[in-house]
C-alpha atoms as a PDB file:
ATOM      1  CA  MET A   1      -0.150   0.065   0.239  1.00  0.00           C
ATOM      2  CA  GLY A   2       2.846   2.785  -0.909  1.00  0.00           C
ATOM      3  CA  GLN A   3      -0.110   5.227  -2.572  1.00  0.00           C
ATOM      4  CA  GLY A   4      -0.642   6.918   1.146  1.00  0.00           C
ATOM      5  CA  LEU A   5      -3.907   4.764   1.604  1.00  0.00           C
ATOM      6  CA  VAL A   6      -3.203   4.576   5.423  1.00  0.00           C
ATOM      7  CA  MET A   7      -3.071   8.356   5.656  1.00  0.00           C
ATOM      8  CA  VAL A   8      -5.798   8.862   3.645  1.00  0.00           C
ATOM      9  CA  ILE A   9      -8.254   6.331   5.902  1.00  0.00           C
ATOM     10  CA  ALA A  10      -6.445   7.841   9.278  1.00  0.00           C
ATOM     11  CA  GLN A  11      -7.392  11.555   7.982  1.00  0.00           C
ATOM     12  CA  CYS A  12     -11.219  10.265   6.627  1.00  0.00           C
ATOM     13  CA  ALA A  13     -11.918   8.534  10.083  1.00  0.00           C
ATOM     14  CA  ALA A  14     -10.071  11.473  12.475  1.00  0.00           C
ATOM     15  CA  GLU A  15     -12.295  14.171  10.482  1.00  0.00           C
ATOM     16  CA  GLU A  16     -15.342  12.306  10.926  1.00  0.00           C
ATOM     17  CA  LEU A  17     -14.018  11.756  14.875  1.00  0.00           C
ATOM     18  CA  GLY A  18     -13.051  15.750  14.957  1.00  0.00           C
ATOM     19  CA  MET A  19      -9.460  14.301  16.179  1.00  0.00           C
ATOM     20  CA  PRO A  20      -6.009  14.593  14.982  1.00  0.00           C
ATOM     21  CA  TYR A  21      -5.616  12.083  12.303  1.00  0.00           C
ATOM     22  CA  GLU A  22      -2.066  10.897  14.130  1.00  0.00           C
ATOM     23  CA  ARG A  23      -4.661   9.641  17.160  1.00  0.00           C
ATOM     24  CA  VAL A  24      -6.433   6.958  14.899  1.00  0.00           C
ATOM     25  CA  ARG A  25      -4.697   3.456  14.046  1.00  0.00           C
ATOM     26  CA  VAL A  26      -5.419   2.093  10.877  1.00  0.00           C
ATOM     27  CA  LEU A  27      -5.135  -2.003  10.384  1.00  0.00           C
ATOM     28  CA  LEU A  28      -4.662  -3.609   7.027  1.00  0.00           C
ATOM     29  CA  SER A  29      -6.106  -6.689   6.051  1.00  0.00           C
ATOM     30  CA  ASP A  30      -4.545  -9.923   6.220  1.00  0.00           C
ATOM     31  CA  ARG A  31      -2.884  -9.902   2.679  1.00  0.00           C
ATOM     32  CA  THR A  32      -1.403 -13.227   3.326  1.00  0.00           C
ATOM     33  CA  ARG A  33      -5.109 -14.421   2.287  1.00  0.00           C
ATOM     34  CA  ARG A  34      -4.922 -12.438  -1.189  1.00  0.00           C
ATOM     35  CA  PRO A  35      -1.000 -12.101  -1.753  1.00  0.00           C
ATOM     36  CA  THR A  36      -1.720 -11.248  -5.194  1.00  0.00           C
ATOM     37  CA  ALA A  37      -5.023  -9.266  -4.774  1.00  0.00           C
ATOM     38  CA  PRO A  38      -4.326  -5.505  -6.629  1.00  0.00           C
ATOM     39  CA  ASP A  39      -4.879  -2.497  -4.922  1.00  0.00           C
ATOM     40  CA  ASN A  40      -6.400   0.047  -8.004  1.00  0.00           C
ATOM     41  CA  ALA A  41      -5.127   3.117  -5.568  1.00  0.00           C
ATOM     42  CA  SER A  42      -7.454   5.580  -6.994  1.00  0.00           C
ATOM     43  CA  ARG A  43     -10.623   3.252  -5.999  1.00  0.00           C
ATOM     44  CA  GLN A  44      -8.802   2.077  -2.525  1.00  0.00           C
ATOM     45  CA  THR A  45      -8.733   5.785  -1.746  1.00  0.00           C
ATOM     46  CA  TYR A  46     -12.505   6.020  -2.753  1.00  0.00           C
ATOM     47  CA  VAL A  47     -13.944   3.137  -1.396  1.00  0.00           C
ATOM     48  CA  THR A  48     -11.808   2.412   1.844  1.00  0.00           C
ATOM     49  CA  GLY A  49     -11.947   6.100   2.740  1.00  0.00           C
ATOM     50  CA  ASN A  50     -15.754   6.212   2.533  1.00  0.00           C
ATOM     51  CA  ALA A  51     -15.718   2.556   4.793  1.00  0.00           C
ATOM     52  CA  ALA A  52     -13.360   4.534   7.054  1.00  0.00           C
ATOM     53  CA  ARG A  53     -15.608   8.023   7.459  1.00  0.00           C
ATOM     54  CA  LEU A  54     -18.944   6.198   7.732  1.00  0.00           C
ATOM     55  CA  ALA A  55     -17.516   3.359  10.515  1.00  0.00           C
ATOM     56  CA  ALA A  56     -16.301   6.901  12.088  1.00  0.00           C
ATOM     57  CA  SER A  57     -19.782   7.914  12.293  1.00  0.00           C
ATOM     58  CA  THR A  58     -21.333   5.282  13.481  1.00  0.00           C
ATOM     59  CA  LEU A  59     -18.721   4.886  16.211  1.00  0.00           C
ATOM     60  CA  ARG A  60     -19.732   9.181  16.795  1.00  0.00           C
ATOM     61  CA  ARG A  61     -23.017   8.078  17.609  1.00  0.00           C
ATOM     62  CA  GLN A  62     -22.489   5.563  19.496  1.00  0.00           C
ATOM     63  CA  TRP A  63     -19.966   7.154  21.875  1.00  0.00           C
ATOM     64  CA  ARG A  64     -22.486  10.031  22.079  1.00  0.00           C
ATOM     65  CA  ARG A  65     -25.310   7.495  23.220  1.00  0.00           C
ATOM     66  CA  TRP A  66     -23.008   6.362  25.897  1.00  0.00           C
ATOM     67  CA  SER A  67     -22.081   9.721  26.740  1.00  0.00           C
ATOM     68  CA  GLN A  68     -25.897  10.465  27.195  1.00  0.00           C
ATOM     69  CA  ARG A  69     -26.966   6.951  29.126  1.00  0.00           C
ATOM     70  CA  CYS A  70     -23.399   7.335  31.285  1.00  0.00           C
ATOM     71  CA  ALA A  71     -24.940  11.366  32.208  1.00  0.00           C
ATOM     72  CA  THR A  72     -28.473  10.236  32.790  1.00  0.00           C
ATOM     73  CA  PHE A  73     -27.241   7.396  35.381  1.00  0.00           C
ATOM     74  CA  ARG A  74     -24.941  10.432  37.341  1.00  0.00           C
ATOM     75  CA  ARG A  75     -27.999  12.309  37.570  1.00  0.00           C
ATOM     76  CA  THR A  76     -30.033   9.573  38.886  1.00  0.00           C
ATOM     77  CA  ARG A  77     -28.167   8.114  40.990  1.00  0.00           C
ATOM     78  CA  SER A  78     -26.979  11.395  42.529  1.00  0.00           C
ATOM     79  CA  ALA A  79     -30.974  12.275  42.957  1.00  0.00           C
ATOM     80  CA  SER A  80     -31.216   9.189  44.475  1.00  0.00           C
ATOM     81  CA  ARG A  81     -28.561   9.902  46.980  1.00  0.00           C
ATOM     82  CA  LYS A  82     -30.217  13.008  48.658  1.00  0.00           C
ATOM     83  CA  VAL A  83     -33.284  10.857  49.244  1.00  0.00           C
END
């Protein structure tokens, strides 16, 4: 993957998550299963970059829901202690 694809994937995910791309770790597929698979750089950038962006968007929504649940739990727990 010498086309800079890893950097592009990290940048797509980082932009969606609102964090520096240096904090995003990209895990590559196992090339031993299909060592002769073509890379097709321009198509890979489009497809893989969008997949990373969509996955990061899903992750961001899940983080937001989890954060809201934690805040609700804290408020509920705090209110029950006052009684």
